[in-house]
C-alpha atoms as a PDB file:
ATOM      1  CA  MET A   1      22.204 -14.453  27.563  1.00  0.00           C
ATOM      2  CA  ARG A   2      18.962 -16.954  27.116  1.00  0.00           C
ATOM      3  CA  ALA A   3      18.050 -18.751  29.935  1.00  0.00           C
ATOM      4  CA  SER A   4      15.233 -21.684  31.081  1.00  0.00           C
ATOM      5  CA  TRP A   5      12.555 -20.976  34.053  1.00  0.00           C
ATOM      6  CA  ARG A   6      14.666 -22.954  36.129  1.00  0.00           C
ATOM      7  CA  GLN A   7      17.408 -21.073  35.712  1.00  0.00           C
ATOM      8  CA  LEU A   8      16.288 -17.867  36.542  1.00  0.00           C
ATOM      9  CA  GLY A   9      16.498 -15.846  39.861  1.00  0.00           C
ATOM     10  CA  ASP A  10      12.766 -14.309  39.273  1.00  0.00           C
ATOM     11  CA  LEU A  11      11.146 -16.928  38.072  1.00  0.00           C
ATOM     12  CA  LYS A  12       7.851 -15.459  40.152  1.00  0.00           C
ATOM     13  CA  GLU A  13       8.728 -12.195  38.732  1.00  0.00           C
ATOM     14  CA  LYS A  14       9.073 -13.697  35.143  1.00  0.00           C
ATOM     15  CA  LYS A  15       5.014 -15.244  35.721  1.00  0.00           C
ATOM     16  CA  VAL A  16       3.544 -12.085  36.852  1.00  0.00           C
ATOM     17  CA  LEU A  17       4.847 -10.401  33.903  1.00  0.00           C
ATOM     18  CA  LYS A  18       3.545 -13.116  31.611  1.00  0.00           C
ATOM     19  CA  GLN A  19       0.101 -13.051  33.399  1.00  0.00           C
ATOM     20  CA  GLY A  20       0.004  -9.156  33.140  1.00  0.00           C
ATOM     21  CA  LEU A  21       0.390  -9.019  29.613  1.00  0.00           C
ATOM     22  CA  TYR A  22      -2.093 -12.091  28.839  1.00  0.00           C
ATOM     23  CA  ASN A  23      -4.660  -9.982  31.064  1.00  0.00           C
ATOM     24  CA  ARG A  24      -4.398  -6.990  28.995  1.00  0.00           C
ATOM     25  CA  LEU A  25      -4.361  -8.933  26.253  1.00  0.00           C
ATOM     26  CA  SER A  26      -7.624 -10.812  27.046  1.00  0.00           C
ATOM     27  CA  ASP A  27      -9.415  -7.516  27.724  1.00  0.00           C
ATOM     28  CA  GLU A  28      -8.723  -6.825  23.870  1.00  0.00           C
ATOM     29  CA  TYR A  29     -10.248 -10.432  22.715  1.00  0.00           C
ATOM     30  CA  LEU A  30     -12.795 -10.298  25.321  1.00  0.00           C
ATOM     31  CA  ASN A  31     -14.478  -7.754  22.677  1.00  0.00           C
ATOM     32  CA  HIS A  32     -14.604 -10.133  19.942  1.00  0.00           C
ATOM     33  CA  SER A  33     -15.197 -13.264  21.870  1.00  0.00           C
ATOM     34  CA  PHE A  34     -12.128 -14.928  22.337  1.00  0.00           C
ATOM     35  CA  LYS A  35     -11.450 -16.516  25.754  1.00  0.00           C
ATOM     36  CA  LEU A  36      -8.130 -16.578  27.309  1.00  0.00           C
ATOM     37  CA  ILE A  37      -6.637 -20.208  28.060  1.00  0.00           C
ATOM     38  CA  ARG A  38      -4.836 -19.459  30.369  1.00  0.00           C
ATOM     39  CA  SER A  39      -2.335 -22.410  30.467  1.00  0.00           C
ATOM     40  CA  LYS A  40      -1.811 -22.349  27.026  1.00  0.00           C
ATOM     41  CA  GLY A  41      -1.360 -18.658  26.311  1.00  0.00           C
ATOM     42  CA  LEU A  42      -3.984 -19.005  23.741  1.00  0.00           C
ATOM     43  CA  PHE A  43      -7.178 -16.944  23.114  1.00  0.00           C
ATOM     44  CA  GLN A  44      -9.431 -19.063  21.304  1.00  0.00           C
ATOM     45  CA  ARG A  45     -13.078 -18.985  19.437  1.00  0.00           C
ATOM     46  CA  ALA A  46     -14.436 -21.945  17.863  1.00  0.00           C
ATOM     47  CA  GLU A  47     -12.127 -23.175  15.569  1.00  0.00           C
ATOM     48  CA  PHE A  48      -9.713 -19.963  15.729  1.00  0.00           C
ATOM     49  CA  ALA A  49      -6.934 -19.218  18.186  1.00  0.00           C
ATOM     50  CA  VAL A  50      -4.109 -16.698  18.568  1.00  0.00           C
ATOM     51  CA  HIS A  51      -0.970 -18.326  20.296  1.00  0.00           C
ATOM     52  CA  TRP A  52       1.194 -16.582  22.795  1.00  0.00           C
ATOM     53  CA  GLY A  53       2.540 -18.915  24.855  1.00  0.00           C
ATOM     54  CA  GLY A  54       5.947 -20.440  24.919  1.00  0.00           C
ATOM     55  CA  PRO A  55       7.615 -16.927  25.082  1.00  0.00           C
ATOM     56  CA  VAL A  56      11.850 -17.089  24.382  1.00  0.00           C
ATOM     57  CA  VAL A  57      12.896 -16.274  28.154  1.00  0.00           C
ATOM     58  CA  TYR A  58      16.318 -14.201  28.092  1.00  0.00           C
ATOM     59  CA  SER A  59      17.533 -12.275  31.752  1.00  0.00           C
ATOM     60  CA  ASP A  60      16.042  -9.333  31.026  1.00  0.00           C
ATOM     61  CA  SER A  61      12.897  -9.595  29.666  1.00  0.00           C
ATOM     62  CA  LEU A  62      10.564 -12.352  27.532  1.00  0.00           C
ATOM     63  CA  ASN A  63      10.081 -12.253  23.789  1.00  0.00           C
ATOM     64  CA  PHE A  64       6.759 -13.314  22.379  1.00  0.00           C
ATOM     65  CA  GLN A  65       5.851 -14.706  18.760  1.00  0.00           C
ATOM     66  CA  PRO A  66       2.008 -14.400  18.224  1.00  0.00           C
ATOM     67  CA  ARG A  67       1.073 -17.125  16.024  1.00  0.00           C
ATOM     68  CA  LEU A  68      -2.535 -17.411  14.151  1.00  0.00           C
ATOM     69  CA  SER A  69      -4.520 -20.607  13.802  1.00  0.00           C
ATOM     70  CA  VAL A  70      -7.139 -22.158  12.407  1.00  0.00           C
ATOM     71  CA  ASN A  71      -8.714 -25.657  12.554  1.00  0.00           C
ATOM     72  CA  ASN A  72     -11.690 -26.461  10.567  1.00  0.00           C
ATOM     73  CA  LYS A  73     -13.763 -29.109  12.036  1.00  0.00           C
ATOM     74  CA  ILE A  74     -15.104 -30.880   9.026  1.00  0.00           C
ATOM     75  CA  ILE A  75     -11.191 -31.178   8.105  1.00  0.00           C
ATOM     76  CA  PHE A  76      -9.869 -32.230  11.445  1.00  0.00           C
ATOM     77  CA  ASP A  77     -12.085 -35.011  11.417  1.00  0.00           C
ATOM     78  CA  VAL A  78     -11.430 -36.216   8.318  1.00  0.00           C
ATOM     79  CA  LEU A  79      -7.382 -35.776   8.664  1.00  0.00           C
ATOM     80  CA  SER A  80      -8.109 -37.432  12.119  1.00  0.00           C
ATOM     81  CA  ILE A  81      -9.123 -40.650  10.682  1.00  0.00           C
ATOM     82  CA  ILE A  82      -6.586 -40.941   8.135  1.00  0.00           C
ATOM     83  CA  PHE A  83      -3.814 -39.463  10.139  1.00  0.00           C
ATOM     84  CA  PRO A  84      -5.279 -40.418  13.666  1.00  0.00           C
ATOM     85  CA  HIS A  85      -2.285 -39.178  15.433  1.00  0.00           C
ATOM     86  CA  ALA A  86      -1.429 -36.147  14.167  1.00  0.00           C
ATOM     87  CA  LYS A  87      -2.214 -32.603  15.468  1.00  0.00           C
ATOM     88  CA  ASN A  88      -4.281 -31.734  11.914  1.00  0.00           C
ATOM     89  CA  LEU A  89      -4.239 -28.263  12.795  1.00  0.00           C
ATOM     90  CA  THR A  90      -5.629 -26.656   9.156  1.00  0.00           C
ATOM     91  CA  ILE A  91      -3.239 -23.750   8.811  1.00  0.00           C
ATOM     92  CA  PHE A  92      -0.710 -22.197  10.725  1.00  0.00           C
ATOM     93  CA  LYS A  93       0.765 -18.386  10.407  1.00  0.00           C
ATOM     94  CA  VAL A  94       2.764 -16.035  12.853  1.00  0.00           C
ATOM     95  CA  GLN A  95       2.217 -12.471  12.956  1.00  0.00           C
ATOM     96  CA  GLY A  96       4.265 -10.856   9.868  1.00  0.00           C
ATOM     97  CA  CYS A  97       4.502  -8.926   6.539  1.00  0.00           C
ATOM     98  CA  GLU A  98       3.989 -12.304   4.463  1.00  0.00           C
ATOM     99  CA  LEU A  99       0.444 -12.839   6.065  1.00  0.00           C
ATOM    100  CA  ALA A 100      -0.845  -8.853   5.744  1.00  0.00           C
ATOM    101  CA  LYS A 101       0.514  -9.279   2.291  1.00  0.00           C
ATOM    102  CA  GLU A 102      -1.703 -12.720   1.718  1.00  0.00           C
ATOM    103  CA  MET A 103      -4.777  -9.864   3.183  1.00  0.00           C
ATOM    104  CA  GLY A 104      -4.259  -7.120   1.196  1.00  0.00           C
ATOM    105  CA  VAL A 105      -2.395  -5.183   3.674  1.00  0.00           C
ATOM    106  CA  PRO A 106       1.274  -5.004   2.318  1.00  0.00           C
ATOM    107  CA  ASN A 107       2.687  -2.178   4.706  1.00  0.00           C
ATOM    108  CA  GLU A 108       1.394  -3.293   7.789  1.00  0.00           C
ATOM    109  CA  GLU A 109       4.187  -4.925   9.042  1.00  0.00           C
ATOM    110  CA  LYS A 110       8.137  -4.711   7.892  1.00  0.00           C
ATOM    111  CA  ASP A 111       9.323  -7.489   9.809  1.00  0.00           C
ATOM    112  CA  GLU A 112       8.276 -11.002   8.322  1.00  0.00           C
ATOM    113  CA  GLU A 113       7.706 -12.575  11.554  1.00  0.00           C
ATOM    114  CA  VAL A 114       7.200  -9.933  14.613  1.00  0.00           C
ATOM    115  CA  PHE A 115       8.556 -10.253  18.060  1.00  0.00           C
ATOM    116  CA  TYR A 116       7.676  -8.685  20.710  1.00  0.00           C
ATOM    117  CA  LYS A 117      10.235  -7.823  23.751  1.00  0.00           C
ATOM    118  CA  VAL A 118       8.736  -7.728  27.210  1.00  0.00           C
ATOM    119  CA  GLU A 119      10.791  -6.160  29.878  1.00  0.00           C
ATOM    120  CA  ASN A 120       8.410  -4.569  32.330  1.00  0.00           C
ATOM    121  CA  SER A 121       4.956  -3.996  33.023  1.00  0.00           C
ATOM    122  CA  GLU A 122       5.358  -1.051  31.061  1.00  0.00           C
ATOM    123  CA  ASP A 123       5.693  -2.640  27.691  1.00  0.00           C
ATOM    124  CA  PHE A 124       2.357  -3.871  27.683  1.00  0.00           C
ATOM    125  CA  LYS A 125       0.835  -0.746  26.611  1.00  0.00           C
ATOM    126  CA  SER A 126       2.572  -0.633  22.896  1.00  0.00           C
ATOM    127  CA  VAL A 127       2.415  -4.470  22.328  1.00  0.00           C
ATOM    128  CA  VAL A 128      -1.124  -4.632  23.355  1.00  0.00           C
ATOM    129  CA  ASP A 129      -1.823  -1.700  20.469  1.00  0.00           C
ATOM    130  CA  ASP A 130       0.888  -3.116  17.862  1.00  0.00           C
ATOM    131  CA  HIS A 131      -0.604  -6.261  17.920  1.00  0.00           C
ATOM    132  CA  MET A 132      -4.378  -5.605  18.462  1.00  0.00           C
ATOM    133  CA  GLY A 133      -4.096  -3.175  15.901  1.00  0.00           C
ATOM    134  CA  TYR A 134      -2.752  -5.879  13.409  1.00  0.00           C
ATOM    135  CA  MET A 135      -5.272  -8.258  14.341  1.00  0.00           C
ATOM    136  CA  GLU A 136      -7.855  -5.666  13.368  1.00  0.00           C
ATOM    137  CA  LYS A 137      -6.377  -5.367  10.017  1.00  0.00           C
ATOM    138  CA  VAL A 138      -4.899  -8.265   9.104  1.00  0.00           C
ATOM    139  CA  GLY A 139      -5.735 -11.311  11.668  1.00  0.00           C
ATOM    140  CA  PHE A 140      -9.689 -10.977  11.749  1.00  0.00           C
ATOM    141  CA  LYS A 141      -9.493 -10.668   8.200  1.00  0.00           C
ATOM    142  CA  PHE A 142      -7.806 -13.825   7.726  1.00  0.00           C
ATOM    143  CA  PHE A 143     -10.263 -15.749  10.447  1.00  0.00           C
ATOM    144  CA  ASP A 144     -13.095 -14.205   8.401  1.00  0.00           C
ATOM    145  CA  LYS A 145     -11.860 -15.405   5.061  1.00  0.00           C
ATOM    146  CA  LEU A 146     -11.351 -18.934   6.126  1.00  0.00           C
ATOM    147  CA  ALA A 147     -14.486 -19.405   8.203  1.00  0.00           C
ATOM    148  CA  SER A 148     -15.643 -22.015   5.615  1.00  0.00           C
ATOM    149  CA  LEU A 149     -14.660 -24.998   3.730  1.00  0.00           C
ATOM    150  CA  GLU A 150     -14.775 -22.862   0.794  1.00  0.00           C
ATOM    151  CA  GLY A 151     -12.978 -20.365   1.895  1.00  0.00           C
ATOM    152  CA  VAL A 152      -9.837 -22.308   3.167  1.00  0.00           C
ATOM    153  CA  ASN A 153     -10.081 -24.239  -0.019  1.00  0.00           C
ATOM    154  CA  ASP A 154      -9.900 -20.939  -1.999  1.00  0.00           C
ATOM    155  CA  PHE A 155      -7.166 -19.683   0.007  1.00  0.00           C
ATOM    156  CA  ILE A 156      -4.768 -22.655   0.289  1.00  0.00           C
ATOM    157  CA  ASN A 157      -5.313 -23.987  -3.436  1.00  0.00           C
ATOM    158  CA  ARG A 158      -5.890 -20.672  -5.465  1.00  0.00           C
ATOM    159  CA  ARG A 159      -2.153 -19.687  -5.655  1.00  0.00           C
ATOM    160  CA  ILE A 160      -1.436 -23.376  -6.744  1.00  0.00           C
ATOM    161  CA  LEU A 161      -3.489 -22.784  -9.533  1.00  0.00           C
ATOM    162  CA  GLU A 162      -2.437 -19.582 -10.742  1.00  0.00           C
ATOM    163  CA  GLY A 163      -1.089 -19.070 -14.217  1.00  0.00           C
ATOM    164  CA  ASP A 164      -0.252 -21.457 -17.106  1.00  0.00           C
ATOM    165  CA  ASN A 165       1.778 -24.681 -16.731  1.00  0.00           C
ATOM    166  CA  ASP A 166       4.896 -22.666 -17.854  1.00  0.00           C
ATOM    167  CA  TYR A 167       4.172 -19.813 -15.061  1.00  0.00           C
ATOM    168  CA  PHE A 168       3.928 -22.362 -12.158  1.00  0.00           C
ATOM    169  CA  LYS A 169       6.945 -24.302 -12.734  1.00  0.00           C
ATOM    170  CA  SER A 170       8.856 -21.100 -13.435  1.00  0.00           C
ATOM    171  CA  LYS A 171      11.840 -20.729 -10.854  1.00  0.00           C
ATOM    172  CA  ASN A 172      10.128 -17.427  -8.756  1.00  0.00           C
ATOM    173  CA  GLN A 173       6.439 -19.357  -8.751  1.00  0.00           C
ATOM    174  CA  GLN A 174       7.828 -22.182  -7.419  1.00  0.00           C
ATOM    175  CA  ALA A 175      10.097 -20.642  -4.745  1.00  0.00           C
ATOM    176  CA  SER A 176       7.270 -18.519  -3.341  1.00  0.00           C
ATOM    177  CA  LEU A 177       5.044 -21.302  -3.608  1.00  0.00           C
ATOM    178  CA  LYS A 178       7.215 -23.450  -1.420  1.00  0.00           C
ATOM    179  CA  LYS A 179       8.086 -20.384   0.770  1.00  0.00           C
ATOM    180  CA  PHE A 180       4.490 -21.000   1.685  1.00  0.00           C
ATOM    181  CA  PHE A 181       3.274 -24.450   2.078  1.00  0.00           C
ATOM    182  CA  ASP A 182       4.084 -26.414   4.724  1.00  0.00           C
ATOM    183  CA  LYS A 183       2.846 -29.991   4.677  1.00  0.00           C
ATOM    184  CA  ARG A 184      -0.075 -28.956   7.142  1.00  0.00           C
ATOM    185  CA  GLU A 185      -1.611 -26.445   4.640  1.00  0.00           C
ATOM    186  CA  VAL A 186      -0.869 -29.267   1.642  1.00  0.00           C
ATOM    187  CA  LEU A 187      -2.952 -31.930   3.313  1.00  0.00           C
ATOM    188  CA  SER A 188      -5.696 -29.303   4.089  1.00  0.00           C
ATOM    189  CA  GLY A 189      -5.482 -27.947   0.818  1.00  0.00           C
ATOM    190  CA  VAL A 190      -6.257 -31.252  -1.161  1.00  0.00           C
ATOM    191  CA  THR A 191      -8.531 -32.102   2.236  1.00  0.00           C
ATOM    192  CA  SER A 192     -10.754 -28.874   1.229  1.00  0.00           C
ATOM    193  CA  ALA A 193     -10.872 -29.351  -2.469  1.00  0.00           C
ATOM    194  CA  TYR A 194     -12.436 -33.012  -2.606  1.00  0.00           C
ATOM    195  CA  LEU A 195     -14.682 -31.853   0.220  1.00  0.00           C
ATOM    196  CA  THR A 196     -16.047 -28.803  -1.900  1.00  0.00           C
ATOM    197  CA  ASN A 197     -15.958 -30.941  -4.689  1.00  0.00           C
ATOM    198  CA  SER A 198     -13.459 -28.588  -6.549  1.00  0.00           C
ATOM    199  CA  PRO A 199     -13.630 -28.793 -10.377  1.00  0.00           C
ATOM    200  CA  LYS A 200      -9.761 -28.599 -10.602  1.00  0.00           C
ATOM    201  CA  LYS A 201      -8.917 -31.258  -8.364  1.00  0.00           C
ATOM    202  CA  ASN A 202      -6.951 -33.281 -10.689  1.00  0.00           C
ATOM    203  CA  VAL A 203      -5.404 -30.294 -12.228  1.00  0.00           C
ATOM    204  CA  LEU A 204      -4.547 -29.182  -8.596  1.00  0.00           C
ATOM    205  CA  LEU A 205      -3.468 -32.532  -7.508  1.00  0.00           C
ATOM    206  CA  GLU A 206      -0.924 -33.199 -10.277  1.00  0.00           C
ATOM    207  CA  ARG A 207       0.457 -29.471  -9.527  1.00  0.00           C
ATOM    208  CA  TYR A 208       0.940 -30.248  -5.789  1.00  0.00           C
ATOM    209  CA  ARG A 209       2.735 -33.834  -7.152  1.00  0.00           C
ATOM    210  CA  ILE A 210       4.950 -31.354  -9.468  1.00  0.00           C
ATOM    211  CA  LEU A 211       5.807 -28.595  -6.977  1.00  0.00           C
ATOM    212  CA  PHE A 212       6.826 -31.680  -4.361  1.00  0.00           C
ATOM    213  CA  GLU A 213       8.375 -34.531  -6.413  1.00  0.00           C
ATOM    214  CA  GLY A 214      10.734 -36.420  -4.939  1.00  0.00           C
ATOM    215  CA  ASN A 215       9.276 -35.572  -1.133  1.00  0.00           C
ATOM    216  CA  ASP A 216       7.778 -38.624   0.065  1.00  0.00           C
ATOM    217  CA  TYR A 217       7.380 -37.098   3.422  1.00  0.00           C
ATOM    218  CA  ILE A 218       4.228 -35.078   1.885  1.00  0.00           C
ATOM    219  CA  LEU A 219       3.625 -36.718  -1.607  1.00  0.00           C
ATOM    220  CA  SER A 220       2.737 -40.257   0.725  1.00  0.00           C
ATOM    221  CA  ASP A 221       0.128 -38.304   2.801  1.00  0.00           C
ATOM    222  CA  VAL A 222      -1.533 -36.565  -0.434  1.00  0.00           C
ATOM    223  CA  GLN A 223      -1.932 -40.129  -1.621  1.00  0.00           C
ATOM    224  CA  LYS A 224      -3.733 -41.786   1.211  1.00  0.00           C
ATOM    225  CA  ILE A 225      -6.055 -38.686   1.142  1.00  0.00           C
ATOM    226  CA  GLU A 226      -6.611 -39.495  -2.294  1.00  0.00           C
ATOM    227  CA  ASP A 227      -7.018 -43.103  -1.279  1.00  0.00           C
ATOM    228  CA  HIS A 228      -9.350 -41.966   1.258  1.00  0.00           C
ATOM    229  CA  PHE A 229     -11.856 -40.119  -0.714  1.00  0.00           C
ATOM    230  CA  THR A 230     -11.915 -42.651  -3.827  1.00  0.00           C
ATOM    231  CA  LYS A 231     -12.485 -45.371  -1.172  1.00  0.00           C
ATOM    232  CA  ILE A 232     -15.666 -43.578   0.421  1.00  0.00           C
ATOM    233  CA  SER A 233     -17.159 -42.325  -3.348  1.00  0.00           C
END
């Protein structure tokens, strides 16, 4: 049975367990110059972060889902002008097989999304070893790939530009693309295309409109980005 922090009789014990895991992870992340933001369960280096905060709490365990985020400052500054009340992260991905495949490591994870169950301190070593193994093979390479505007533009937009129009409009490709994209990735992709002066920007915008046809939640904000860059050009 899932319980809230307040419902747990061993509240202090669960907090100690969580902080103990953070400490073990911090020892590893310091080797990569990531600093623990303890109150958020966040390991951060400049614009890159690995999120361990907000575990799912059960009566007998804590369950963690590591998530990786990139917050490119240039993209953030542009989107913050257009959408001043939004969080405006560039991209946000969970640890799992999909990101591993994206980084060319298809056999790294069997699960689409990874959850770590921690019942006691004896679980720390296996959890930390598995997670840091993933980061060495996938996560840190992901951050390196997205360390520039060009890298962000390529990582997000190349999949939209792949193939001819028939391939792009095929049922399988449309389903695959929609699985990858959230609104966050669309807005970051469009913004990065403008900021890098992509020669395929018009094709990219047309394909985003096709992919999200009828979805005003996304396309209205895409239009706001276009209007912004038209105004300052």
